[in-house]
C-alpha atoms as a PDB file:
ATOM      1  CA  MET A   1      -0.018   0.020  -0.002  1.00  0.00           C
ATOM      2  CA  SER A   2       1.202   3.508  -0.775  1.00  0.00           C
ATOM      3  CA  PRO A   3       1.519   6.098   2.073  1.00  0.00           C
ATOM      4  CA  ALA A   4      -1.115   8.264   0.384  1.00  0.00           C
ATOM      5  CA  ALA A   5      -3.651   5.433   0.274  1.00  0.00           C
ATOM      6  CA  ALA A   6      -2.894   4.334   3.847  1.00  0.00           C
ATOM      7  CA  ALA A   7      -3.337   7.851   5.257  1.00  0.00           C
ATOM      8  CA  ALA A   8      -7.091   7.514   4.653  1.00  0.00           C
ATOM      9  CA  SER A   9      -7.216   4.774   7.297  1.00  0.00           C
ATOM     10  CA  PHE A  10      -4.511   5.625   9.840  1.00  0.00           C
ATOM     11  CA  PRO A  11      -1.925   8.390  10.462  1.00  0.00           C
ATOM     12  CA  VAL A  12       1.121   8.283   8.212  1.00  0.00           C
ATOM     13  CA  ILE A  13       3.888  10.712   9.159  1.00  0.00           C
ATOM     14  CA  ASP A  14       6.759  11.688   6.869  1.00  0.00           C
ATOM     15  CA  PHE A  15       9.964  12.272   8.924  1.00  0.00           C
ATOM     16  CA  SER A  16      12.093  13.415   5.977  1.00  0.00           C
ATOM     17  CA  PRO A  17      12.365  17.025   7.288  1.00  0.00           C
ATOM     18  CA  PHE A  18      14.593  15.700  10.077  1.00  0.00           C
ATOM     19  CA  PHE A  19      16.949  14.019   7.622  1.00  0.00           C
ATOM     20  CA  THR A  20      17.316  16.787   5.042  1.00  0.00           C
ATOM     21  CA  THR A  21      18.379  20.429   5.077  1.00  0.00           C
ATOM     22  CA  GLY A  22      16.162  23.193   3.896  1.00  0.00           C
ATOM     23  CA  GLY A  23      16.540  26.361   6.014  1.00  0.00           C
ATOM     24  CA  GLY A  24      13.383  28.112   7.236  1.00  0.00           C
ATOM     25  CA  GLU A  25      11.095  26.038   5.095  1.00  0.00           C
ATOM     26  CA  ASN A  26      12.504  22.901   6.673  1.00  0.00           C
ATOM     27  CA  GLU A  27      11.770  24.263  10.151  1.00  0.00           C
ATOM     28  CA  VAL A  28       8.138  24.803   9.169  1.00  0.00           C
ATOM     29  CA  GLU A  29       7.985  21.226   7.925  1.00  0.00           C
ATOM     30  CA  LYS A  30       9.409  19.981  11.217  1.00  0.00           C
ATOM     31  CA  GLU A  31       6.708  21.789  13.138  1.00  0.00           C
ATOM     32  CA  GLU A  32       4.103  20.145  10.903  1.00  0.00           C
ATOM     33  CA  VAL A  33       5.576  16.723  11.825  1.00  0.00           C
ATOM     34  CA  ILE A  34       5.416  17.600  15.544  1.00  0.00           C
ATOM     35  CA  ASN A  35       1.776  18.671  15.191  1.00  0.00           C
ATOM     36  CA  SER A  36       1.028  15.410  13.377  1.00  0.00           C
ATOM     37  CA  ILE A  37       2.669  13.380  16.157  1.00  0.00           C
ATOM     38  CA  ARG A  38       0.682  15.233  18.821  1.00  0.00           C
ATOM     39  CA  GLU A  39      -2.558  14.587  17.015  1.00  0.00           C
ATOM     40  CA  ALA A  40      -1.785  10.920  16.288  1.00  0.00           C
ATOM     41  CA  CYS A  41      -0.683  10.143  19.890  1.00  0.00           C
ATOM     42  CA  SER A  42      -3.735  11.916  21.310  1.00  0.00           C
ATOM     43  CA  ASP A  43      -6.393  10.575  18.911  1.00  0.00           C
ATOM     44  CA  TYR A  44      -5.026   7.217  17.776  1.00  0.00           C
ATOM     45  CA  GLY A  45      -2.177   6.136  20.032  1.00  0.00           C
ATOM     46  CA  PHE A  46      -0.170   5.083  17.033  1.00  0.00           C
ATOM     47  CA  PHE A  47       1.105   6.197  13.643  1.00  0.00           C
ATOM     48  CA  VAL A  48       3.159   4.884  10.712  1.00  0.00           C
ATOM     49  CA  ALA A  49       6.516   6.563  10.083  1.00  0.00           C
ATOM     50  CA  VAL A  50       7.981   6.830   6.604  1.00  0.00           C
ATOM     51  CA  ASN A  51      11.285   8.348   5.430  1.00  0.00           C
ATOM     52  CA  HIS A  52      12.613   7.716   8.908  1.00  0.00           C
ATOM     53  CA  GLY A  53      16.321   7.497   8.122  1.00  0.00           C
ATOM     54  CA  ILE A  54      16.805   3.760   8.489  1.00  0.00           C
ATOM     55  CA  PRO A  55      18.213   2.383   5.185  1.00  0.00           C
ATOM     56  CA  ALA A  56      15.808   0.113   3.324  1.00  0.00           C
ATOM     57  CA  GLU A  57      18.675  -2.341   2.739  1.00  0.00           C
ATOM     58  CA  ALA A  58      19.196  -2.739   6.481  1.00  0.00           C
ATOM     59  CA  MET A  59      15.465  -3.349   7.066  1.00  0.00           C
ATOM     60  CA  ASP A  60      15.326  -5.990   4.296  1.00  0.00           C
ATOM     61  CA  ARG A  61      18.488  -7.684   5.512  1.00  0.00           C
ATOM     62  CA  SER A  62      17.228  -7.963   9.116  1.00  0.00           C
ATOM     63  CA  LEU A  63      13.909  -9.505   7.999  1.00  0.00           C
ATOM     64  CA  GLU A  64      15.775 -11.901   5.701  1.00  0.00           C
ATOM     65  CA  MET A  65      18.064 -13.067   8.516  1.00  0.00           C
ATOM     66  CA  ALA A  66      15.126 -13.502  10.884  1.00  0.00           C
ATOM     67  CA  HIS A  67      13.365 -15.613   8.248  1.00  0.00           C
ATOM     68  CA  GLU A  68      16.447 -17.783   7.810  1.00  0.00           C
ATOM     69  CA  PHE A  69      16.923 -18.222  11.530  1.00  0.00           C
ATOM     70  CA  PHE A  70      13.375 -19.260  12.226  1.00  0.00           C
ATOM     71  CA  ASP A  71      13.505 -21.769   9.378  1.00  0.00           C
ATOM     72  CA  ARG A  72      16.306 -23.638  11.190  1.00  0.00           C
ATOM     73  CA  PRO A  73      15.495 -26.890  13.014  1.00  0.00           C
ATOM     74  CA  SER A  74      14.179 -26.480  16.563  1.00  0.00           C
ATOM     75  CA  GLU A  75      17.194 -28.099  18.134  1.00  0.00           C
ATOM     76  CA  GLU A  76      19.441 -25.554  16.467  1.00  0.00           C
ATOM     77  CA  LYS A  77      17.329 -22.606  17.543  1.00  0.00           C
ATOM     78  CA  LEU A  78      17.194 -23.864  21.101  1.00  0.00           C
ATOM     79  CA  LYS A  79      20.971 -23.481  21.321  1.00  0.00           C
ATOM     80  CA  CYS A  80      20.259 -19.716  21.542  1.00  0.00           C
ATOM     81  CA  THR A  81      18.817 -20.129  25.024  1.00  0.00           C
ATOM     82  CA  PRO A  82      20.873 -18.929  28.022  1.00  0.00           C
ATOM     83  CA  PRO A  83      21.479 -21.527  30.784  1.00  0.00           C
ATOM     84  CA  THR A  84      20.298 -19.086  33.409  1.00  0.00           C
ATOM     85  CA  SER A  85      18.822 -15.600  33.425  1.00  0.00           C
ATOM     86  CA  ASP A  86      19.320 -12.720  35.829  1.00  0.00           C
ATOM     87  CA  THR A  87      17.472 -10.343  33.549  1.00  0.00           C
ATOM     88  CA  PRO A  88      13.892  -9.009  33.624  1.00  0.00           C
ATOM     89  CA  VAL A  89      13.127 -11.132  30.595  1.00  0.00           C
ATOM     90  CA  THR A  90      15.078 -14.039  29.057  1.00  0.00           C
ATOM     91  CA  THR A  91      17.149 -13.353  25.981  1.00  0.00           C
ATOM     92  CA  GLY A  92      17.621 -15.659  23.004  1.00  0.00           C
ATOM     93  CA  TYR A  93      15.122 -17.976  21.363  1.00  0.00           C
ATOM     94  CA  ALA A  94      11.769 -19.187  22.698  1.00  0.00           C
ATOM     95  CA  LYS A  95       8.450 -20.424  21.427  1.00  0.00           C
ATOM     96  CA  GLN A  96       5.092 -19.763  23.011  1.00  0.00           C
ATOM     97  CA  PRO A  97       3.719 -22.769  24.897  1.00  0.00           C
ATOM     98  CA  ASP A  98       0.900 -24.679  23.335  1.00  0.00           C
ATOM     99  CA  HIS A  99      -1.646 -23.448  25.885  1.00  0.00           C
ATOM    100  CA  SER A 100      -0.869 -19.776  25.146  1.00  0.00           C
ATOM    101  CA  PRO A 101      -3.310 -17.819  22.961  1.00  0.00           C
ATOM    102  CA  ASN A 102      -0.211 -16.292  21.297  1.00  0.00           C
ATOM    103  CA  LYS A 103       0.937 -18.327  18.284  1.00  0.00           C
ATOM    104  CA  ASN A 104       4.522 -17.322  17.644  1.00  0.00           C
ATOM    105  CA  GLU A 105       8.152 -17.920  18.274  1.00  0.00           C
ATOM    106  CA  TYR A 106      10.683 -15.215  18.867  1.00  0.00           C
ATOM    107  CA  PHE A 107      14.349 -14.149  19.380  1.00  0.00           C
ATOM    108  CA  LEU A 108      14.878 -11.456  22.071  1.00  0.00           C
ATOM    109  CA  MET A 109      17.904  -9.243  22.697  1.00  0.00           C
ATOM    110  CA  PHE A 110      19.046  -6.259  24.682  1.00  0.00           C
ATOM    111  CA  GLU A 111      21.446  -3.609  23.354  1.00  0.00           C
ATOM    112  CA  PRO A 112      24.207  -5.125  21.199  1.00  0.00           C
ATOM    113  CA  ALA A 113      26.840  -4.540  23.930  1.00  0.00           C
ATOM    114  CA  SER A 114      24.898  -6.536  26.483  1.00  0.00           C
ATOM    115  CA  ALA A 115      26.576  -9.674  27.880  1.00  0.00           C
ATOM    116  CA  PHE A 116      23.164 -11.238  28.269  1.00  0.00           C
ATOM    117  CA  ASN A 117      22.554 -11.585  24.527  1.00  0.00           C
ATOM    118  CA  VAL A 118      22.792 -15.076  23.008  1.00  0.00           C
ATOM    119  CA  TYR A 119      23.258 -15.043  19.220  1.00  0.00           C
ATOM    120  CA  PRO A 120      22.984 -17.951  16.794  1.00  0.00           C
ATOM    121  CA  THR A 121      26.092 -18.978  14.883  1.00  0.00           C
ATOM    122  CA  SER A 122      23.976 -19.602  11.761  1.00  0.00           C
ATOM    123  CA  PRO A 123      23.124 -17.831   9.614  1.00  0.00           C
ATOM    124  CA  ALA A 124      26.479 -16.141   9.945  1.00  0.00           C
ATOM    125  CA  PRO A 125      25.308 -12.583   9.022  1.00  0.00           C
ATOM    126  CA  PHE A 126      22.475 -12.715  11.603  1.00  0.00           C
ATOM    127  CA  ARG A 127      24.261 -10.855  14.386  1.00  0.00           C
ATOM    128  CA  GLY A 128      25.491  -8.025  12.215  1.00  0.00           C
ATOM    129  CA  ALA A 129      22.016  -7.541  10.681  1.00  0.00           C
ATOM    130  CA  VAL A 130      20.099  -7.459  13.983  1.00  0.00           C
ATOM    131  CA  ASP A 131      22.685  -5.297  15.706  1.00  0.00           C
ATOM    132  CA  GLU A 132      22.433  -2.770  12.835  1.00  0.00           C
ATOM    133  CA  ILE A 133      18.676  -2.625  12.894  1.00  0.00           C
ATOM    134  CA  TYR A 134      18.740  -2.305  16.652  1.00  0.00           C
ATOM    135  CA  GLY A 135      20.880   0.810  16.283  1.00  0.00           C
ATOM    136  CA  GLY A 136      18.557   2.292  13.713  1.00  0.00           C
ATOM    137  CA  LEU A 137      15.401   1.700  15.766  1.00  0.00           C
ATOM    138  CA  LEU A 138      17.044   3.084  18.910  1.00  0.00           C
ATOM    139  CA  ALA A 139      18.049   6.267  17.063  1.00  0.00           C
ATOM    140  CA  MET A 140      14.512   6.677  15.784  1.00  0.00           C
ATOM    141  CA  ALA A 141      12.977   6.094  19.197  1.00  0.00           C
ATOM    142  CA  ARG A 142      15.224   8.791  20.651  1.00  0.00           C
ATOM    143  CA  LEU A 143      14.153  11.228  17.951  1.00  0.00           C
ATOM    144  CA  ILE A 144      10.458  10.491  18.524  1.00  0.00           C
ATOM    145  CA  GLU A 145      10.959  10.874  22.319  1.00  0.00           C
ATOM    146  CA  SER A 146      12.461  14.333  21.785  1.00  0.00           C
ATOM    147  CA  LEU A 147       9.541  15.306  19.522  1.00  0.00           C
ATOM    148  CA  MET A 148       7.008  13.982  22.058  1.00  0.00           C
ATOM    149  CA  ASN A 149       8.761  16.239  24.622  1.00  0.00           C
ATOM    150  CA  ARG A 150       7.978  19.194  22.374  1.00  0.00           C
ATOM    151  CA  CYS A 151       4.425  17.959  21.814  1.00  0.00           C
ATOM    152  CA  LEU A 152       3.791  18.080  25.575  1.00  0.00           C
ATOM    153  CA  GLY A 153       5.180  21.603  25.880  1.00  0.00           C
ATOM    154  CA  VAL A 154       7.564  20.699  28.690  1.00  0.00           C
ATOM    155  CA  PRO A 155      11.144  21.986  29.088  1.00  0.00           C
ATOM    156  CA  GLU A 156      13.573  20.796  26.376  1.00  0.00           C
ATOM    157  CA  GLY A 157      15.209  17.515  27.178  1.00  0.00           C
ATOM    158  CA  LEU A 158      12.995  16.726  30.186  1.00  0.00           C
ATOM    159  CA  MET A 159      11.903  13.326  28.996  1.00  0.00           C
ATOM    160  CA  GLU A 160      15.362  12.350  27.827  1.00  0.00           C
ATOM    161  CA  LYS A 161      16.756  13.206  31.235  1.00  0.00           C
ATOM    162  CA  PHE A 162      14.041  11.233  32.968  1.00  0.00           C
ATOM    163  CA  ASN A 163      14.573   8.256  30.643  1.00  0.00           C
ATOM    164  CA  ASP A 164      18.380   8.041  30.614  1.00  0.00           C
ATOM    165  CA  ASP A 165      18.888   4.265  31.080  1.00  0.00           C
ATOM    166  CA  ARG A 166      19.178   2.418  27.787  1.00  0.00           C
ATOM    167  CA  GLN A 167      20.539  -0.918  28.965  1.00  0.00           C
ATOM    168  CA  TRP A 168      17.152  -2.675  29.142  1.00  0.00           C
ATOM    169  CA  ASP A 169      15.589  -1.658  25.822  1.00  0.00           C
ATOM    170  CA  ILE A 170      14.372  -4.807  24.131  1.00  0.00           C
ATOM    171  CA  MET A 171      14.248  -5.800  20.497  1.00  0.00           C
ATOM    172  CA  THR A 172      12.368  -8.989  19.532  1.00  0.00           C
ATOM    173  CA  ALA A 173      12.266 -10.712  16.197  1.00  0.00           C
ATOM    174  CA  PHE A 174       8.952 -12.608  15.783  1.00  0.00           C
ATOM    175  CA  ARG A 175       7.639 -15.317  13.518  1.00  0.00           C
ATOM    176  CA  TYR A 176       3.833 -15.552  13.676  1.00  0.00           C
ATOM    177  CA  PHE A 177       2.679 -18.939  12.438  1.00  0.00           C
ATOM    178  CA  ALA A 178       0.217 -19.105   9.559  1.00  0.00           C
ATOM    179  CA  ALA A 179      -3.270 -19.941  10.673  1.00  0.00           C
ATOM    180  CA  ALA A 180      -4.699 -23.362   9.738  1.00  0.00           C
ATOM    181  CA  GLU A 181      -7.700 -23.149   7.499  1.00  0.00           C
ATOM    182  CA  LEU A 182      -9.880 -25.118   9.917  1.00  0.00           C
ATOM    183  CA  GLU A 183      -9.115 -22.895  12.931  1.00  0.00           C
ATOM    184  CA  THR A 184     -11.942 -20.789  14.253  1.00  0.00           C
ATOM    185  CA  PRO A 185     -11.423 -16.974  14.357  1.00  0.00           C
ATOM    186  CA  ASP A 186     -10.720 -16.933  18.102  1.00  0.00           C
ATOM    187  CA  LYS A 187      -7.872 -19.472  17.590  1.00  0.00           C
ATOM    188  CA  LYS A 188      -6.128 -17.366  14.917  1.00  0.00           C
ATOM    189  CA  THR A 189      -4.426 -14.910  17.206  1.00  0.00           C
ATOM    190  CA  GLY A 190      -0.705 -14.518  16.624  1.00  0.00           C
ATOM    191  CA  LEU A 191      -0.606 -12.112  19.589  1.00  0.00           C
ATOM    192  CA  TYR A 192      -3.682 -11.338  21.648  1.00  0.00           C
ATOM    193  CA  GLY A 193      -5.003  -7.819  22.173  1.00  0.00           C
ATOM    194  CA  HIS A 194      -2.886  -5.834  24.655  1.00  0.00           C
ATOM    195  CA  LYS A 195      -1.269  -2.522  25.441  1.00  0.00           C
ATOM    196  CA  ASP A 196       2.474  -2.118  25.724  1.00  0.00           C
ATOM    197  CA  VAL A 197       4.258  -1.829  29.081  1.00  0.00           C
ATOM    198  CA  ASN A 198       6.910   0.680  27.752  1.00  0.00           C
ATOM    199  CA  LEU A 199       7.178   4.253  26.608  1.00  0.00           C
ATOM    200  CA  MET A 200       6.731   3.323  22.951  1.00  0.00           C
ATOM    201  CA  THR A 201       7.135   0.445  20.521  1.00  0.00           C
ATOM    202  CA  LEU A 202       8.582   0.626  16.994  1.00  0.00           C
ATOM    203  CA  VAL A 203       7.594  -2.236  14.651  1.00  0.00           C
ATOM    204  CA  LEU A 204       9.315  -3.239  11.455  1.00  0.00           C
ATOM    205  CA  GLN A 205       7.082  -5.733   9.648  1.00  0.00           C
ATOM    206  CA  ASP A 206       7.131  -7.628   6.411  1.00  0.00           C
ATOM    207  CA  GLN A 207       4.355  -7.373   3.788  1.00  0.00           C
ATOM    208  CA  VAL A 208       2.206 -10.192   5.112  1.00  0.00           C
ATOM    209  CA  GLY A 209       0.004  -8.022   7.356  1.00  0.00           C
ATOM    210  CA  GLY A 210      -2.007  -8.964  10.414  1.00  0.00           C
ATOM    211  CA  LEU A 211      -1.218  -6.079  12.795  1.00  0.00           C
ATOM    212  CA  GLU A 212      -4.344  -4.237  13.990  1.00  0.00           C
ATOM    213  CA  PHE A 213      -4.977  -1.325  16.346  1.00  0.00           C
ATOM    214  CA  GLN A 214      -8.179  -0.517  18.150  1.00  0.00           C
ATOM    215  CA  LYS A 215      -9.859   2.888  17.878  1.00  0.00           C
ATOM    216  CA  ASP A 216     -13.349   3.744  19.203  1.00  0.00           C
ATOM    217  CA  GLY A 217     -14.065   0.026  19.622  1.00  0.00           C
ATOM    218  CA  GLU A 218     -13.178  -0.834  16.044  1.00  0.00           C
ATOM    219  CA  TRP A 219     -10.105  -2.768  14.878  1.00  0.00           C
ATOM    220  CA  ILE A 220      -8.068  -1.005  12.221  1.00  0.00           C
ATOM    221  CA  PRO A 221      -5.784  -3.281  10.075  1.00  0.00           C
ATOM    222  CA  ILE A 222      -2.356  -1.745   9.363  1.00  0.00           C
ATOM    223  CA  THR A 223      -1.817  -2.629   5.738  1.00  0.00           C
ATOM    224  CA  PRO A 224       2.001  -2.712   5.395  1.00  0.00           C
ATOM    225  CA  ILE A 225       3.777   0.130   3.657  1.00  0.00           C
ATOM    226  CA  PRO A 226       7.214  -1.024   2.376  1.00  0.00           C
ATOM    227  CA  HIS A 227      10.114   0.140   4.596  1.00  0.00           C
ATOM    228  CA  SER A 228       7.890   1.965   7.074  1.00  0.00           C
ATOM    229  CA  LEU A 229       7.774   1.721  10.860  1.00  0.00           C
ATOM    230  CA  VAL A 230       4.644   1.372  13.000  1.00  0.00           C
ATOM    231  CA  VAL A 231       4.944   3.402  16.231  1.00  0.00           C
ATOM    232  CA  ASN A 232       2.588   3.045  19.125  1.00  0.00           C
ATOM    233  CA  VAL A 233       2.301   4.824  22.462  1.00  0.00           C
ATOM    234  CA  GLY A 234       3.032   2.673  25.520  1.00  0.00           C
ATOM    235  CA  ASP A 235       1.549   2.807  29.019  1.00  0.00           C
ATOM    236  CA  ILE A 236       4.408   4.844  30.494  1.00  0.00           C
ATOM    237  CA  ILE A 237       3.995   7.724  28.032  1.00  0.00           C
ATOM    238  CA  GLN A 238       0.276   7.711  28.880  1.00  0.00           C
ATOM    239  CA  VAL A 239       1.111   8.137  32.566  1.00  0.00           C
ATOM    240  CA  LEU A 240       3.857  10.753  32.080  1.00  0.00           C
ATOM    241  CA  SER A 241       1.531  12.754  29.843  1.00  0.00           C
ATOM    242  CA  ASN A 242      -1.321  12.454  32.323  1.00  0.00           C
ATOM    243  CA  ASN A 243      -3.555  10.805  29.724  1.00  0.00           C
ATOM    244  CA  LYS A 244      -2.833  13.337  26.955  1.00  0.00           C
ATOM    245  CA  PHE A 245      -1.271  10.506  24.916  1.00  0.00           C
ATOM    246  CA  LYS A 246      -3.120   7.192  24.880  1.00  0.00           C
ATOM    247  CA  SER A 247      -1.637   3.724  25.050  1.00  0.00           C
ATOM    248  CA  VAL A 248      -3.400   1.764  22.392  1.00  0.00           C
ATOM    249  CA  ASN A 249      -4.797  -1.774  22.320  1.00  0.00           C
ATOM    250  CA  HIS A 250      -3.395  -3.839  19.448  1.00  0.00           C
ATOM    251  CA  LYS A 251      -3.047  -7.468  18.281  1.00  0.00           C
ATOM    252  CA  VAL A 252      -1.667  -9.651  15.540  1.00  0.00           C
ATOM    253  CA  ASN A 253      -3.930 -11.903  13.618  1.00  0.00           C
ATOM    254  CA  SER A 254      -2.237 -15.080  12.330  1.00  0.00           C
ATOM    255  CA  PRO A 255      -2.074 -14.741   8.513  1.00  0.00           C
ATOM    256  CA  GLN A 256      -3.538 -17.249   6.159  1.00  0.00           C
ATOM    257  CA  GLY A 257      -1.156 -19.377   4.189  1.00  0.00           C
ATOM    258  CA  ARG A 258       2.068 -17.516   5.137  1.00  0.00           C
ATOM    259  CA  ASP A 259       4.106 -16.875   8.284  1.00  0.00           C
ATOM    260  CA  ARG A 260       4.534 -13.274   9.336  1.00  0.00           C
ATOM    261  CA  HIS A 261       7.911 -11.861  10.353  1.00  0.00           C
ATOM    262  CA  SER A 262       8.533  -8.623  12.260  1.00  0.00           C
ATOM    263  CA  PHE A 263      10.854  -6.859  14.654  1.00  0.00           C
ATOM    264  CA  ALA A 264       9.411  -5.024  17.704  1.00  0.00           C
ATOM    265  CA  PHE A 265      11.662  -2.520  19.485  1.00  0.00           C
ATOM    266  CA  ALA A 266      10.469  -1.758  23.060  1.00  0.00           C
ATOM    267  CA  TYR A 267      11.738   1.562  24.338  1.00  0.00           C
ATOM    268  CA  LEU A 268      11.731   1.207  28.097  1.00  0.00           C
ATOM    269  CA  ILE A 269      12.811   3.104  31.198  1.00  0.00           C
ATOM    270  CA  GLY A 270      15.046   2.149  34.143  1.00  0.00           C
ATOM    271  CA  PHE A 271      13.441  -0.527  36.209  1.00  0.00           C
ATOM    272  CA  GLU A 272      13.860   1.329  39.506  1.00  0.00           C
ATOM    273  CA  LYS A 273      12.298   4.549  38.169  1.00  0.00           C
ATOM    274  CA  MET A 274       9.257   5.898  39.967  1.00  0.00           C
ATOM    275  CA  VAL A 275       6.586   6.717  37.463  1.00  0.00           C
ATOM    276  CA  GLU A 276       3.861   9.336  37.791  1.00  0.00           C
ATOM    277  CA  PRO A 277       2.479  12.188  35.653  1.00  0.00           C
ATOM    278  CA  LEU A 278       5.188  14.774  35.007  1.00  0.00           C
ATOM    279  CA  ALA A 279       4.774  17.793  37.214  1.00  0.00           C
ATOM    280  CA  GLU A 280       5.579  20.036  34.231  1.00  0.00           C
ATOM    281  CA  VAL A 281       2.686  18.472  32.199  1.00  0.00           C
ATOM    282  CA  MET A 282       0.215  19.083  35.013  1.00  0.00           C
ATOM    283  CA  LYS A 283       1.489  22.667  35.481  1.00  0.00           C
ATOM    284  CA  GLU A 284       1.023  23.347  31.770  1.00  0.00           C
ATOM    285  CA  SER A 285      -2.486  21.855  31.707  1.00  0.00           C
ATOM    286  CA  LYS A 286      -3.548  22.913  35.269  1.00  0.00           C
ATOM    287  CA  GLU A 287      -4.823  19.341  35.852  1.00  0.00           C
ATOM    288  CA  GLU A 288      -4.644  16.997  38.781  1.00  0.00           C
ATOM    289  CA  PRO A 289      -2.688  13.720  38.429  1.00  0.00           C
ATOM    290  CA  LYS A 290      -4.704  10.900  36.948  1.00  0.00           C
ATOM    291  CA  PHE A 291      -2.309   8.137  38.075  1.00  0.00           C
ATOM    292  CA  SER A 292      -0.677   7.306  41.374  1.00  0.00           C
ATOM    293  CA  LYS A 293       3.095   6.890  41.666  1.00  0.00           C
ATOM    294  CA  PHE A 294       4.500   3.392  41.114  1.00  0.00           C
ATOM    295  CA  ARG A 295       7.852   1.666  40.569  1.00  0.00           C
ATOM    296  CA  TYR A 296       8.290   0.646  36.961  1.00  0.00           C
ATOM    297  CA  LYS A 297       9.785  -2.731  37.852  1.00  0.00           C
ATOM    298  CA  ASP A 298       6.637  -3.704  39.791  1.00  0.00           C
ATOM    299  CA  TYR A 299       4.310  -2.942  36.893  1.00  0.00           C
ATOM    300  CA  PHE A 300       6.658  -4.555  34.321  1.00  0.00           C
ATOM    301  CA  GLN A 301       6.741  -7.835  36.282  1.00  0.00           C
ATOM    302  CA  LEU A 302       3.001  -7.953  36.518  1.00  0.00           C
ATOM    303  CA  ARG A 303       2.595  -7.400  32.814  1.00  0.00           C
ATOM    304  CA  VAL A 304       5.305  -9.869  31.786  1.00  0.00           C
ATOM    305  CA  ALA A 305       3.676 -12.502  33.965  1.00  0.00           C
ATOM    306  CA  ASP A 306       0.422 -11.982  32.053  1.00  0.00           C
ATOM    307  CA  LEU A 307       2.179 -11.967  28.679  1.00  0.00           C
ATOM    308  CA  PHE A 308       3.901 -15.332  29.099  1.00  0.00           C
ATOM    309  CA  ASN A 309       1.180 -16.907  31.196  1.00  0.00           C
ATOM    310  CA  PRO A 310      -2.068 -15.215  30.114  1.00  0.00           C
ATOM    311  CA  PRO A 311      -5.062 -15.491  32.499  1.00  0.00           C
ATOM    312  CA  ALA A 312      -7.876 -17.715  31.397  1.00  0.00           C
ATOM    313  CA  ASN A 313     -10.009 -14.681  30.920  1.00  0.00           C
ATOM    314  CA  LEU A 314      -7.892 -12.070  29.110  1.00  0.00           C
ATOM    315  CA  ASP A 315     -10.094  -9.300  30.556  1.00  0.00           C
ATOM    316  CA  ASP A 316      -8.417 -10.129  33.920  1.00  0.00           C
ATOM    317  CA  ALA A 317      -4.979  -9.128  32.626  1.00  0.00           C
ATOM    318  CA  VAL A 318      -3.292  -6.232  34.477  1.00  0.00           C
ATOM    319  CA  THR A 319      -3.410  -2.851  32.688  1.00  0.00           C
ATOM    320  CA  ILE A 320      -2.169   0.620  33.463  1.00  0.00           C
ATOM    321  CA  ASN A 321      -5.576   1.342  35.001  1.00  0.00           C
ATOM    322  CA  HIS A 322      -4.256  -0.585  38.012  1.00  0.00           C
ATOM    323  CA  TYR A 323      -2.679   2.750  39.004  1.00  0.00           C
ATOM    324  CA  ALA A 324      -5.428   5.089  37.765  1.00  0.00           C
ATOM    325  CA  ILE A 325      -6.827   7.542  40.312  1.00  0.00           C
ATOM    326  CA  PRO A 326     -10.655   7.425  40.259  1.00  0.00           C
ATOM    327  CA  PRO A 327     -12.072  10.827  39.052  1.00  0.00           C
ATOM    328  CA  THR A 328     -13.921  11.302  42.367  1.00  0.00           C
ATOM    329  CA  VAL A 329     -10.691  10.876  44.297  1.00  0.00           C
ATOM    330  CA  ALA A 330      -8.793  13.217  42.002  1.00  0.00           C
ATOM    331  CA  ALA A 331     -11.478  15.837  42.292  1.00  0.00           C
ATOM    332  CA  ALA A 332     -11.479  15.566  46.052  1.00  0.00           C
ATOM    333  CA  ALA A 333      -7.725  16.061  46.121  1.00  0.00           C
ATOM    334  CA  ALA A 334      -7.897  19.184  43.967  1.00  0.00           C
ATOM    335  CA  PRO A 335      -7.318  22.517  45.838  1.00  0.00           C
ATOM    336  CA  ALA A 336     -10.362  24.656  46.466  1.00  0.00           C
ATOM    337  CA  ASN A 337     -10.635  27.939  44.498  1.00  0.00           C
END
């Protein structure tokens, strides 16, 4: 699908003004991008980024290497499993258990310099390809974070200073298994509907499709645009922005006849960080906080437990509303005029 055709269904934002030079005209175009991000994060909770600075060749190469890796025999892939794990999530290869509603296998890594990463020896170019795409996605996440900072009207660099720990950002390569023709619709979920536990997620996907976001109760399919990135707001941005930006529910439907491959880059924060609405955001909007303070690690662990061992009733899964302050309580806490 072309960006122009896609824009009729979901926000498509052209980031080329940040990768070209054009004087005053370029600055006007940058402001237009910032306004588009503000509107997309407020109204949709996601957008598609095009002309984002990551080379198309690097994107193609990473997807090709992921495809080759997942086509390897199971015993070979399982060699990419660490013997023990002292990390918040386990790196390397894993496959969702049979009882899980999620029908996929994946390879997970932290930053390329992390000693916790476990890379396969074959295909040989795998490590170089995934390390390169990790760097590109991280750079793009940092740019978007700085632009979100401007969208919220808070002091320059505030969010970057708050979110200064990059060691636990996670990139995951996924293979979503093709759905069997006889499966019923509720059994065709590659990844069940959920919101993300981070600041934001950047997704590089192939052309198979299946990713959907929810808006106003309706599911919107994200028809792939070649060499684009899908960006969605996570729970932590929703809290920091005091509900100005919305974390969005999304899922992956298992495709018919073909496996789906993608990379998801989760832009996190330090696990010991205390999270609450930014004081500067509330000062700007003259609003009371809509979330109570919590330690990120506590929320992350609750969400990861649900992700890898989903409750029988998915409506019972923990969400960011666990920390929401009821409107009546917030109103009672507000100072009298």
